[in-house]
Amino acid sequence: MNLNLIRRGAVALAVLTTLAFAALGLAACDDEDEGSGGNADVIAAITALDNAGLHEIEVELTETGTPPGDAQATALRMQSLVKLTAWPSDLSSPAEKLASLLGEMAAALAGNDTAKAKEATTKAHNAAHDFSFATWTYLQKKAGVAEEKNTGMDHASPTGSAGASPTAGHTMSESRITVENPRARVSNTDVSAAYFTVKNSGSAADRLLSASVDSSIAGMVQLHTMVMEGGTAKMHEVQSIEVPANGSVELKPGGFHVMIMNLKRELKEGETLTIRLKFEKAGMVEVKAPVQQIVTSGMSGGAMSTPTTGH
């Protein structure tokens, strides 16, 4: 059974439902926010966008040079969804930009220039990440939880902070996420990595689904792990990282980590990198990761300096 086809079919159904609500004006309205079609259609639209598979399209383009067969149709569906949804006034301008980039992505995918298609897909994917974060932040503030401090809604640590935005169908009591000790590795090449500890004080397990940084910094961000194969440590992408209920998971050198690729500039010691983390239940969480020299473990278990020529 092809799980990707099932997922995309579910997304397509969500998109069609949202488009119908937007076109007929039947979505729940919130009169307090002029220019908004209400929370119901906004949540449905951003959830469909979050699960559209733009990440998978970008990865397949990068790894094989060929996009999935439904990539262009996905871009066009998402463009229509973004255009027809009645976004709040605060989000209307970035929504227009995203719709334009999705259109450019669809046009590039229709051509034969792989490099152009990859570039357009990366831009649209990064814009979708940024727009998703902005939308969930808006919904969080509108729900009146943005000002709550130190209650599980907004978490702080000595080296960074993370505020979670609840996603549709979940409550903050299920998953209370704290991100501690975030840091990013100094790099003068086109790759870097970020590490941190995720703690979940909630009653339900959660999953870290993806990570992103500003598109002006890097072209791609993935969740990775290191595994031993034939006595050699090899890096593999993972689709998610489980965070157990009332437990924690550490992202560290030699294990799970956030891989930052296609860097557009050096990451220098002393600066701070903003990383957006998307959790299945807790929603979007933003962390501030100081860029620093990081000691990693060699193959034999001994310590070595942070490499600058690779991962």
Protein backbone atom coordinates (compact mmCIF):
# COMPACT_ATOMS: atom_id res chain seq x y z
CA MET A 1 0.00 0.00 0.00
CA ASN A 2 1.42 3.39 -1.02
CA LEU A 3 1.16 5.60 2.08
CA ASN A 4 2.16 8.69 0.11
CA LEU A 5 -0.81 8.20 -2.22
CA ILE A 6 -3.13 7.80 0.77
CA ARG A 7 -1.73 10.92 2.41
CA ARG A 8 -2.00 12.96 -0.76
CA GLY A 9 -5.53 11.68 -1.33
CA ALA A 10 -6.50 12.85 2.14
CA VAL A 11 -4.87 16.21 1.50
CA ALA A 12 -6.71 16.53 -1.80
CA LEU A 13 -10.02 15.89 -0.01
CA ALA A 14 -9.16 18.52 2.59
CA VAL A 15 -8.26 20.97 -0.16
CA LEU A 16 -11.52 20.37 -2.05
CA THR A 17 -13.51 20.80 1.16
CA THR A 18 -11.71 24.03 1.99
CA LEU A 19 -12.14 25.38 -1.54
CA ALA A 20 -15.85 24.63 -1.37
CA PHE A 21 -16.19 26.47 1.93
CA ALA A 22 -14.20 29.42 0.62
CA ALA A 23 -16.15 29.64 -2.63
CA LEU A 24 -19.58 29.34 -1.01
CA GLY A 25 -18.76 31.46 2.02
CA LEU A 26 -20.01 28.79 4.41
CA ALA A 27 -16.97 28.61 6.68
CA ALA A 28 -17.40 29.85 10.21
CA CYS A 29 -16.83 33.59 10.31
CA ASP A 30 -15.25 35.71 12.98
CA ASP A 31 -16.64 39.24 12.65
CA GLU A 32 -14.02 40.62 15.00
CA ASP A 33 -11.32 40.27 12.33
CA GLU A 34 -12.28 42.15 9.20
CA GLY A 35 -10.93 40.49 6.07
CA SER A 36 -10.83 37.02 7.64
CA GLY A 37 -13.06 34.17 6.58
CA GLY A 38 -12.95 32.85 10.14
CA ASN A 39 -10.79 30.37 11.98
CA ALA A 40 -12.37 27.23 10.50
CA ASP A 41 -11.36 27.80 6.88
CA VAL A 42 -7.97 29.26 7.88
CA ILE A 43 -7.15 26.19 9.99
CA ALA A 44 -8.37 23.81 7.27
CA ALA A 45 -6.35 25.62 4.61
CA ILE A 46 -3.09 25.84 6.55
CA THR A 47 -3.40 22.20 7.66
CA ALA A 48 -3.82 21.13 4.02
CA LEU A 49 -0.82 23.26 3.04
CA ASP A 50 1.29 21.79 5.87
CA ASN A 51 0.54 18.27 4.61
CA ALA A 52 0.72 18.93 0.87
CA GLY A 53 4.04 17.14 0.40
CA LEU A 54 6.19 20.07 -0.77
CA HIS A 55 9.06 18.68 1.31
CA GLU A 56 8.81 15.28 -0.42
CA ILE A 57 8.75 16.95 -3.84
CA GLU A 58 11.89 18.94 -3.03
CA VAL A 59 13.71 15.88 -1.66
CA GLU A 60 12.86 13.73 -4.70
CA LEU A 61 13.98 16.49 -7.05
CA THR A 62 17.26 16.79 -5.16
CA GLU A 63 17.96 13.07 -4.92
CA THR A 64 16.76 11.88 -8.35
CA GLY A 65 16.48 14.99 -10.50
CA THR A 66 12.89 13.99 -11.28
CA PRO A 67 9.81 15.28 -9.42
CA PRO A 68 6.92 13.02 -8.38
CA GLY A 69 4.29 12.61 -11.07
CA ASP A 70 1.73 14.72 -9.20
CA ALA A 71 4.15 17.53 -8.27
CA GLN A 72 2.82 20.11 -10.71
CA ALA A 73 -0.80 19.30 -9.82
CA THR A 74 0.06 19.65 -6.12
CA ALA A 75 1.58 23.09 -6.69
CA LEU A 76 -1.47 24.23 -8.66
CA ARG A 77 -3.88 22.89 -6.01
CA MET A 78 -2.00 24.68 -3.27
CA GLN A 79 -1.91 27.89 -5.32
CA SER A 80 -5.70 27.75 -5.77
CA LEU A 81 -6.17 27.00 -2.08
CA VAL A 82 -4.03 29.96 -1.00
CA LYS A 83 -5.76 32.30 -3.47
CA LEU A 84 -9.31 31.33 -2.52
CA THR A 85 -8.92 31.24 1.25
CA ALA A 86 -10.03 34.41 3.05
CA TRP A 87 -6.87 35.00 5.06
CA PRO A 88 -6.80 37.55 7.89
CA SER A 89 -5.58 40.97 6.81
CA ASP A 90 -2.23 40.41 8.57
CA LEU A 91 -1.59 37.40 6.34
CA SER A 92 -2.95 38.65 3.01
CA SER A 93 0.36 39.99 1.70
CA PRO A 94 2.45 36.87 2.47
CA ALA A 95 -0.41 34.76 1.09
CA GLU A 96 -0.18 36.61 -2.23
CA LYS A 97 3.59 36.06 -2.29
CA LEU A 98 3.17 32.35 -1.54
CA ALA A 99 0.53 31.94 -4.25
CA SER A 100 2.89 33.58 -6.74
CA LEU A 101 5.78 31.29 -5.77
CA LEU A 102 3.54 28.21 -6.03
CA GLY A 103 2.58 29.36 -9.53
CA GLU A 104 6.26 29.73 -10.43
CA MET A 105 6.90 26.26 -9.02
CA ALA A 106 4.14 24.75 -11.16
CA ALA A 107 5.42 26.51 -14.28
CA ALA A 108 9.01 25.36 -13.64
CA LEU A 109 7.90 21.77 -13.05
CA ALA A 110 6.15 21.83 -16.42
CA GLY A 111 9.45 22.56 -18.17
CA ASN A 112 12.57 20.50 -18.75
CA ASP A 113 15.02 22.57 -16.69
CA THR A 114 15.67 20.51 -13.55
CA ALA A 115 17.78 23.21 -11.88
CA LYS A 116 15.05 25.79 -12.39
CA ALA A 117 12.40 23.39 -11.10
CA LYS A 118 14.46 22.63 -8.00
CA GLU A 119 15.08 26.33 -7.29
CA ALA A 120 11.40 27.22 -7.70
CA THR A 121 10.33 24.28 -5.52
CA THR A 122 12.78 25.24 -2.77
CA LYS A 123 11.53 28.84 -2.78
CA ALA A 124 7.89 27.74 -2.61
CA HIS A 125 8.63 25.18 0.12
CA ASN A 126 10.48 27.71 2.27
CA ALA A 127 7.76 30.32 1.76
CA ALA A 128 5.15 27.74 2.77
CA HIS A 129 7.10 27.04 5.99
CA ASP A 130 7.29 30.76 6.79
CA PHE A 131 3.62 31.27 6.01
CA SER A 132 2.60 28.28 8.13
CA PHE A 133 4.54 29.63 11.10
CA ALA A 134 2.98 33.09 10.67
CA THR A 135 -0.51 31.60 10.42
CA TRP A 136 -0.25 29.39 13.50
CA THR A 137 1.26 32.29 15.44
CA TYR A 138 -1.70 34.46 14.41
CA LEU A 139 -4.16 31.78 15.51
CA GLN A 140 -2.34 31.35 18.81
CA LYS A 141 -2.47 35.08 19.54
CA LYS A 142 -6.10 35.24 18.53
CA ALA A 143 -6.89 32.43 20.93
CA GLY A 144 -5.42 34.53 23.71
CA VAL A 145 -2.57 32.21 24.67
CA ALA A 146 0.36 34.24 23.38
CA GLU A 147 0.65 36.27 26.57
CA GLU A 148 0.65 33.26 28.88
CA LYS A 149 4.15 32.67 30.22
CA ASN A 150 5.70 29.63 31.86
CA THR A 151 2.50 27.58 31.75
CA GLY A 152 3.43 25.15 29.01
CA MET A 153 2.25 27.53 26.27
CA ASP A 154 5.49 29.48 26.11
CA HIS A 155 8.74 27.90 27.21
CA ALA A 156 12.09 29.49 27.90
CA SER A 157 15.55 28.06 28.47
CA PRO A 158 18.89 29.65 29.35
CA THR A 159 20.07 29.50 25.73
CA GLY A 160 16.85 29.81 23.77
CA SER A 161 13.08 29.88 23.86
CA ALA A 162 10.26 28.06 22.15
CA GLY A 163 6.59 28.93 21.94
CA ALA A 164 4.17 26.30 20.65
CA SER A 165 1.16 26.97 18.45
CA PRO A 166 -1.59 24.32 18.73
CA THR A 167 -2.64 22.60 15.52
CA ALA A 168 -6.16 21.59 14.55
CA GLY A 169 -7.56 18.66 16.51
CA HIS A 170 -5.12 18.89 19.43
CA THR A 171 -5.04 20.69 22.75
CA MET A 172 -2.02 21.97 24.59
CA SER A 173 -2.72 19.59 27.48
CA GLU A 174 -1.81 16.66 25.24
CA SER A 175 1.69 17.85 24.41
CA ARG A 176 3.74 20.39 26.35
CA ILE A 177 6.99 20.88 24.52
CA THR A 178 10.14 22.51 25.88
CA VAL A 179 13.25 22.90 23.72
CA GLU A 180 16.45 23.18 25.74
CA ASN A 181 20.09 23.92 24.93
CA PRO A 182 19.66 24.69 21.21
CA ARG A 183 22.88 25.31 19.30
CA ALA A 184 24.03 25.30 15.69
CA ARG A 185 27.43 24.31 14.38
CA VAL A 186 29.90 26.81 12.96
CA SER A 187 30.38 26.14 9.24
CA ASN A 188 32.35 27.63 6.36
CA THR A 189 30.98 25.08 3.88
CA ASP A 190 27.46 24.57 2.53
CA VAL A 191 26.28 22.32 5.39
CA SER A 192 25.79 22.64 9.13
CA ALA A 193 23.77 20.96 11.86
CA ALA A 194 21.72 21.93 14.89
CA TYR A 195 21.25 20.11 18.16
CA PHE A 196 18.94 20.46 21.18
CA THR A 197 16.89 18.50 23.70
CA VAL A 198 13.11 18.26 23.35
CA LYS A 199 11.15 17.63 26.56
CA ASN A 200 7.48 16.69 26.59
CA SER A 201 5.69 17.15 29.93
CA GLY A 202 2.32 16.32 28.39
CA SER A 203 0.23 13.18 28.71
CA ALA A 204 0.57 12.18 25.05
CA ALA A 205 3.57 11.43 22.87
CA ASP A 206 4.42 13.93 20.15
CA ARG A 207 6.56 13.86 17.02
CA LEU A 208 8.96 16.37 15.53
CA LEU A 209 7.95 16.43 11.87
CA SER A 210 10.25 18.98 10.27
CA ALA A 211 12.56 21.93 10.78
CA SER A 212 13.23 25.05 8.73
CA VAL A 213 15.33 28.20 8.69
CA ASP A 214 14.95 31.41 6.73
CA SER A 215 15.39 30.84 3.00
CA SER A 216 18.08 33.52 2.90
CA ILE A 217 20.28 31.26 5.06
CA ALA A 218 19.84 27.76 3.64
CA GLY A 219 18.03 26.02 0.81
CA MET A 220 17.10 22.81 2.63
CA VAL A 221 16.68 21.54 6.19
CA GLN A 222 16.06 17.89 7.09
CA LEU A 223 15.83 15.65 10.14
CA HIS A 224 18.69 13.13 10.14
CA THR A 225 20.18 10.35 12.22
CA MET A 226 23.46 8.42 12.20
CA VAL A 227 23.42 4.61 11.99
CA MET A 228 26.15 1.98 11.81
CA GLU A 229 26.22 -0.02 8.58
CA GLY A 230 28.99 -2.57 8.14
CA GLY A 231 31.11 -0.89 10.76
CA THR A 232 30.73 2.52 9.13
CA ALA A 233 28.63 5.40 10.46
CA LYS A 234 26.23 6.64 7.80
CA MET A 235 23.75 9.50 7.84
CA HIS A 236 20.11 8.95 6.91
CA GLU A 237 17.11 11.25 6.68
CA VAL A 238 14.18 10.44 8.98
CA GLN A 239 10.59 11.56 8.45
CA SER A 240 9.94 12.28 12.14
CA ILE A 241 11.42 12.00 15.63
CA GLU A 242 9.29 10.57 18.45
CA VAL A 243 9.06 12.54 21.70
CA PRO A 244 7.53 10.28 24.40
CA ALA A 245 4.90 11.47 26.85
CA ASN A 246 6.51 12.74 30.05
CA GLY A 247 9.87 12.12 28.42
CA SER A 248 12.53 13.66 26.24
CA VAL A 249 14.72 13.08 23.21
CA GLU A 250 18.17 14.54 22.66
CA LEU A 251 19.35 15.66 19.24
CA LYS A 252 23.13 15.40 19.41
CA PRO A 253 26.24 14.67 17.33
CA GLY A 254 26.26 11.02 16.30
CA GLY A 255 22.49 10.65 16.72
CA PHE A 256 19.35 12.53 15.74
CA HIS A 257 20.05 16.05 14.51
CA VAL A 258 18.77 18.82 12.26
CA MET A 259 20.78 18.91 9.03
CA ILE A 260 21.06 22.35 7.42
CA MET A 261 22.07 22.13 3.77
CA ASN A 262 22.71 24.38 0.79
CA LEU A 263 23.93 27.17 3.05
CA LYS A 264 23.97 30.51 1.29
CA ARG A 265 26.52 32.03 3.67
CA GLU A 266 28.86 30.99 6.46
CA LEU A 267 27.51 30.41 9.93
CA LYS A 268 29.87 32.29 12.23
CA GLU A 269 30.50 31.80 15.91
CA GLY A 270 28.59 34.25 18.08
CA GLU A 271 25.57 34.77 15.83
CA THR A 272 22.12 33.31 16.51
CA LEU A 273 20.21 31.07 14.11
CA THR A 274 16.40 31.02 14.26
CA ILE A 275 15.05 27.51 13.68
CA ARG A 276 11.35 26.71 13.27
CA LEU A 277 10.28 23.26 14.44
CA LYS A 278 6.99 21.65 13.48
CA PHE A 279 5.48 19.14 15.91
CA GLU A 280 2.51 16.89 15.21
CA LYS A 281 0.58 18.03 18.30
CA ALA A 282 2.38 21.07 19.71
CA GLY A 283 2.45 22.79 16.32
CA MET A 284 5.10 25.31 15.33
CA VAL A 285 7.89 26.08 17.79
CA GLU A 286 10.61 28.66 17.19
CA VAL A 287 14.02 28.37 18.84
CA LYS A 288 17.06 30.65 18.90
CA ALA A 289 20.22 28.60 18.47
CA PRO A 290 23.60 30.21 19.18
CA VAL A 291 26.17 29.33 16.52
CA GLN A 292 29.23 27.79 18.17
CA GLN A 293 32.10 25.37 17.78
CA ILE A 294 30.76 21.93 18.61
CA VAL A 295 32.84 18.90 19.55
CA THR A 296 31.62 15.70 17.90
CA SER A 297 32.58 12.06 18.34
CA GLY A 298 34.87 10.26 15.94
CA MET A 299 34.36 6.70 14.68
CA SER A 300 36.33 5.28 17.59
CA GLY A 301 34.38 7.22 20.18
CA GLY A 302 37.08 9.78 20.81
CA ALA A 303 36.48 13.52 20.64
CA MET A 304 37.42 15.56 17.59
CA SER A 305 36.92 19.16 16.53
CA THR A 306 33.92 20.20 14.49
CA PRO A 307 34.64 19.38 10.84
CA THR A 308 34.31 22.21 8.31
CA THR A 309 34.44 20.12 5.14
CA GLY A 310 31.36 17.98 5.61
CA HIS A 311 28.75 16.68 8.02
